[in-house]
Amino acid sequence: MLSNIRVVLINTFHPGNVGAIARAMKNMGLSSLYLVDPNDYPSNEATSRAAGAVDLLENAVIVNSLEEAIGDCSLVIGTSARHRTFQLPIMNARQCGESAIQEAKNHDVAIVFGREKTGLLNDEIAQCHRQVYIDANDEYPVLNISQAVQIVAYEIWMAHAQEVNKVHGETELPEYPLKNEMDLFHHHLEETLYDINFIIKNHPGKVLDKLQRFFHRSRPEKGELGILRGILAAVQREIGKTDK
């Protein structure tokens, strides 16, 4: 389960933070680190701060975009303490750990952390299924990014330990589509809504954003998504837009 959970860091500015995060991850049994457009990497400072977790840095996957880092994941959790206009189901760090472990039994999971100063952008949090926040003192709730990773990683480790200790009551989890499969569905939905003139291209409004938020919140299973794609294809056939 732990090997199916990746930590995704977006545009980290201080290389020392990357090293500290690698160490925090290894403390809690996590080994998959993805770096999206890091500011300064590779770095001797990162290696120095990683201590005994240099192997995580050596095996880190470096990509140019968030889409590349999460495309093959079925559950993407973005970390943010701020209220967003793009509202997602919100969980605390403990709930995040429990959800990640359950999902990681069968699928890849991504926990996404934003920039040190500005966190995740709205369009980045919009690509996530869930938002996680870390409870802290209201008078000073600011956490260093490596501290935030350590807390979330600890809750993942504890949830993993509980799961391993279970002897009875195993239940089969539903199969969920991957992130890139959901992206294809959203593109198909948008195309169909334009085809039937439900949305006007010059004045699309917020319909597509609201629908994307709905499907992120509801998380259709893989079979359900197939039904939805089939419905869209049937609509397009009826109006003569496609041979699908």
Protein backbone atom coordinates (compact mmCIF):
# COMPACT_ATOMS: atom_id res chain seq x y z
CA MET A 1 0.00 0.00 0.00
CA LEU A 2 2.74 2.48 0.92
CA SER A 3 4.52 1.97 -2.39
CA ASN A 4 1.37 3.07 -4.21
CA ILE A 5 1.33 6.46 -2.47
CA ARG A 6 3.37 9.27 -3.98
CA VAL A 7 4.24 12.71 -2.61
CA VAL A 8 4.07 15.39 -5.30
CA LEU A 9 5.90 18.69 -4.73
CA ILE A 10 5.13 21.61 -7.05
CA ASN A 11 7.81 24.15 -7.94
CA THR A 12 9.74 23.90 -4.65
CA PHE A 13 12.01 26.92 -4.19
CA HIS A 14 14.41 25.78 -1.43
CA PRO A 15 16.28 22.56 -2.28
CA GLY A 16 16.85 21.91 1.41
CA ASN A 17 13.12 21.39 1.78
CA VAL A 18 13.22 18.62 -0.82
CA GLY A 19 15.90 16.82 1.19
CA ALA A 20 14.00 17.27 4.46
CA ILE A 21 10.83 15.95 2.82
CA ALA A 22 12.66 12.87 1.53
CA ARG A 23 13.79 12.18 5.08
CA ALA A 24 10.27 12.69 6.47
CA MET A 25 8.87 10.31 3.86
CA LYS A 26 11.38 7.56 4.57
CA ASN A 27 10.67 7.85 8.31
CA MET A 28 7.10 6.81 7.49
CA GLY A 29 7.75 4.17 4.84
CA LEU A 30 6.97 6.30 1.77
CA SER A 31 9.35 6.05 -1.15
CA SER A 32 7.73 7.64 -4.21
CA LEU A 33 8.65 11.31 -4.69
CA TYR A 34 7.55 13.39 -7.69
CA LEU A 35 8.97 16.88 -8.31
CA VAL A 36 7.03 19.20 -10.61
CA ASP A 37 9.31 21.85 -12.13
CA PRO A 38 11.61 22.25 -9.07
CA ASN A 39 13.44 25.57 -8.84
CA ASP A 40 16.88 24.18 -7.92
CA TYR A 41 17.40 20.45 -8.32
CA PRO A 42 19.53 18.33 -8.13
CA SER A 43 21.25 20.11 -5.27
CA ASN A 44 23.97 19.37 -2.75
CA GLU A 45 21.82 21.05 -0.11
CA ALA A 46 18.97 18.65 -0.81
CA THR A 47 21.33 15.69 -0.55
CA SER A 48 22.76 17.00 2.72
CA ARG A 49 19.34 17.51 4.30
CA ALA A 50 18.11 14.09 3.18
CA ALA A 51 20.59 12.27 5.46
CA GLY A 52 19.77 8.55 5.08
CA ALA A 53 17.05 9.13 2.49
CA VAL A 54 19.29 10.01 -0.47
CA ASP A 55 17.89 7.00 -2.34
CA LEU A 56 14.51 8.79 -2.52
CA LEU A 57 16.20 11.77 -4.17
CA GLU A 58 18.07 9.54 -6.60
CA ASN A 59 14.82 7.85 -7.63
CA ALA A 60 12.66 10.98 -7.64
CA VAL A 61 10.58 11.50 -10.78
CA ILE A 62 10.97 14.99 -12.24
CA VAL A 63 8.15 16.24 -14.50
CA ASN A 64 7.13 19.55 -16.04
CA SER A 65 3.47 19.63 -15.05
CA LEU A 66 1.08 18.43 -12.38
CA GLU A 67 -0.86 16.52 -15.03
CA GLU A 68 2.20 14.34 -15.69
CA ALA A 69 2.62 13.63 -11.99
CA ILE A 70 -0.96 12.51 -11.27
CA GLY A 71 -2.31 11.19 -14.58
CA ASP A 72 -2.15 7.54 -13.53
CA CYS A 73 -3.60 8.07 -10.04
CA SER A 74 -7.18 7.27 -9.07
CA LEU A 75 -7.17 9.51 -5.98
CA VAL A 76 -5.47 12.92 -5.81
CA ILE A 77 -5.45 14.85 -2.53
CA GLY A 78 -4.31 18.47 -2.50
CA THR A 79 -3.02 20.09 0.67
CA SER A 80 -4.30 23.57 1.45
CA ALA A 81 -5.44 25.49 4.52
CA ARG A 82 -7.22 28.14 2.47
CA HIS A 83 -10.88 28.22 1.48
CA ARG A 84 -11.22 27.85 -2.27
CA THR A 85 -13.86 28.97 -4.74
CA PHE A 86 -13.45 25.49 -6.28
CA GLN A 87 -14.81 23.59 -3.29
CA LEU A 88 -13.78 19.98 -2.74
CA PRO A 89 -14.63 17.59 0.06
CA ILE A 90 -12.26 18.57 2.88
CA MET A 91 -10.55 16.18 5.29
CA ASN A 92 -8.05 16.50 8.10
CA ALA A 93 -4.66 14.76 8.10
CA ARG A 94 -5.98 11.63 9.85
CA GLN A 95 -8.82 11.22 7.39
CA CYS A 96 -6.35 11.77 4.58
CA GLY A 97 -4.13 8.95 5.85
CA GLU A 98 -7.06 6.57 6.16
CA SER A 99 -8.43 7.41 2.70
CA ALA A 100 -5.01 7.14 1.06
CA ILE A 101 -4.32 3.71 2.55
CA GLN A 102 -7.71 2.32 1.57
CA GLU A 103 -7.32 3.55 -2.00
CA ALA A 104 -3.69 2.41 -2.23
CA LYS A 105 -4.73 -1.22 -1.80
CA ASN A 106 -5.54 -1.29 -5.51
CA HIS A 107 -4.53 2.02 -7.08
CA ASP A 108 -1.92 4.77 -7.11
CA VAL A 109 -2.58 7.78 -4.86
CA ALA A 110 -1.02 11.25 -4.98
CA ILE A 111 -0.69 13.72 -2.11
CA VAL A 112 0.07 17.11 -3.65
CA PHE A 113 1.91 19.93 -1.87
CA GLY A 114 2.23 23.44 -3.28
CA ARG A 115 4.92 26.08 -3.22
CA GLU A 116 6.51 27.15 0.05
CA LYS A 117 5.05 30.68 -0.01
CA THR A 118 1.89 30.46 -2.09
CA GLY A 119 0.77 26.83 -1.84
CA LEU A 120 -1.38 25.33 -4.59
CA LEU A 121 -2.95 27.52 -7.27
CA ASN A 122 -6.70 27.29 -7.83
CA ASP A 123 -6.28 25.46 -11.13
CA GLU A 124 -4.03 22.92 -9.37
CA ILE A 125 -6.41 22.25 -6.49
CA ALA A 126 -9.15 21.91 -9.13
CA GLN A 127 -7.34 18.84 -10.46
CA CYS A 128 -7.65 17.09 -7.10
CA HIS A 129 -10.46 14.91 -5.77
CA ARG A 130 -10.07 15.95 -2.12
CA GLN A 131 -8.49 18.74 -0.06
CA VAL A 132 -6.61 18.08 3.17
CA TYR A 133 -5.80 20.61 5.86
CA ILE A 134 -3.70 20.30 9.01
CA ASP A 135 -5.21 21.54 12.27
CA ALA A 136 -2.99 24.11 13.96
CA ASN A 137 -3.05 27.03 16.36
CA ASP A 138 -5.24 29.78 14.86
CA GLU A 139 -2.79 32.38 16.11
CA TYR A 140 0.06 30.84 14.11
CA PRO A 141 -1.08 28.09 11.72
CA VAL A 142 1.86 28.36 9.30
CA LEU A 143 3.80 25.13 8.78
CA ASN A 144 7.04 24.57 6.90
CA ILE A 145 6.35 22.32 3.91
CA SER A 146 8.55 19.54 5.29
CA GLN A 147 6.59 19.67 8.56
CA ALA A 148 3.34 19.38 6.65
CA VAL A 149 4.63 16.37 4.73
CA GLN A 150 5.83 14.77 7.98
CA ILE A 151 2.40 15.10 9.59
CA VAL A 152 0.50 13.71 6.61
CA ALA A 153 3.07 10.91 6.17
CA TYR A 154 2.72 10.01 9.85
CA GLU A 155 -1.05 9.65 9.52
CA ILE A 156 -0.55 7.50 6.43
CA TRP A 157 1.89 5.31 8.38
CA MET A 158 -0.53 4.93 11.29
CA ALA A 159 -3.42 4.06 8.97
CA HIS A 160 -1.17 1.53 7.26
CA ALA A 161 -0.24 -0.04 10.59
CA GLN A 162 -3.90 -0.42 11.53
CA GLU A 163 -4.68 -1.98 8.17
CA VAL A 164 -1.85 -4.48 8.45
CA ASN A 165 -3.06 -5.50 11.91
CA LYS A 166 -6.55 -6.26 10.69
CA VAL A 167 -7.32 -9.96 10.59
CA HIS A 168 -11.02 -9.94 9.73
CA GLY A 169 -13.52 -7.76 7.95
CA GLU A 170 -11.67 -7.23 4.67
CA THR A 171 -13.94 -5.70 2.04
CA GLU A 172 -13.28 -5.32 -1.66
CA LEU A 173 -12.96 -1.71 -2.74
CA PRO A 174 -14.57 -0.48 -5.95
CA GLU A 175 -12.34 0.22 -8.92
CA TYR A 176 -12.05 3.90 -9.74
CA PRO A 177 -10.90 5.47 -13.03
CA LEU A 178 -7.45 7.02 -13.30
CA LYS A 179 -7.01 10.77 -13.43
CA ASN A 180 -6.31 10.78 -17.18
CA GLU A 181 -9.43 8.66 -17.79
CA MET A 182 -11.48 11.28 -15.92
CA ASP A 183 -9.82 13.99 -18.03
CA LEU A 184 -10.95 12.18 -21.20
CA PHE A 185 -14.48 11.97 -19.80
CA HIS A 186 -14.56 15.70 -19.02
CA HIS A 187 -13.36 16.45 -22.55
CA HIS A 188 -16.05 14.14 -23.98
CA LEU A 189 -18.71 15.79 -21.81
CA GLU A 190 -17.63 19.28 -22.87
CA GLU A 191 -17.63 18.27 -26.53
CA THR A 192 -21.13 16.79 -26.25
CA LEU A 193 -22.58 19.79 -24.43
CA TYR A 194 -21.28 22.04 -27.20
CA ASP A 195 -22.67 19.68 -29.85
CA ILE A 196 -26.20 19.90 -28.44
CA ASN A 197 -25.87 23.66 -27.82
CA PHE A 198 -26.36 23.27 -24.11
CA ILE A 199 -23.29 25.49 -23.74
CA ILE A 200 -22.47 28.37 -26.07
CA LYS A 201 -18.76 28.50 -26.84
CA ASN A 202 -18.55 32.28 -26.67
CA HIS A 203 -20.37 32.34 -23.32
CA PRO A 204 -19.65 29.05 -21.52
CA GLY A 205 -20.27 30.41 -18.03
CA LYS A 206 -19.42 28.20 -15.06
CA VAL A 207 -21.28 25.05 -16.13
CA LEU A 208 -18.18 23.00 -16.97
CA ASP A 209 -16.42 24.01 -13.74
CA LYS A 210 -19.48 23.04 -11.72
CA LEU A 211 -19.81 19.70 -13.50
CA GLN A 212 -16.13 18.93 -12.98
CA ARG A 213 -16.51 19.72 -9.29
CA PHE A 214 -19.59 17.48 -9.11
CA PHE A 215 -17.81 14.49 -10.65
CA HIS A 216 -14.72 15.01 -8.48
CA ARG A 217 -16.95 15.06 -5.43
CA SER A 218 -19.02 12.05 -6.41
CA ARG A 219 -16.09 9.98 -7.79
CA PRO A 220 -17.88 7.61 -10.19
CA GLU A 221 -16.53 4.07 -10.27
CA LYS A 222 -14.84 2.82 -13.44
CA GLY A 223 -17.92 0.93 -14.60
CA GLU A 224 -20.14 3.95 -13.92
CA LEU A 225 -17.80 6.16 -15.93
CA GLY A 226 -18.10 3.71 -18.83
CA ILE A 227 -21.87 4.08 -18.71
CA LEU A 228 -21.58 7.87 -18.74
CA ARG A 229 -19.20 7.76 -21.71
CA GLY A 230 -21.66 5.45 -23.47
CA ILE A 231 -24.51 7.90 -22.89
CA LEU A 232 -22.45 10.76 -24.33
CA ALA A 233 -21.51 8.68 -27.36
CA ALA A 234 -25.18 7.76 -27.94
CA VAL A 235 -26.18 11.42 -27.79
CA GLN A 236 -23.52 12.29 -30.35
CA ARG A 237 -24.66 9.48 -32.64
CA GLU A 238 -28.27 10.65 -32.46
CA ILE A 239 -27.37 14.16 -33.53
CA GLY A 240 -25.02 12.86 -36.23
CA LYS A 241 -21.83 14.30 -34.75
CA THR A 242 -19.83 11.08 -34.50
CA ASP A 243 -19.65 7.43 -35.44
CA LYS A 244 -18.60 6.36 -31.91
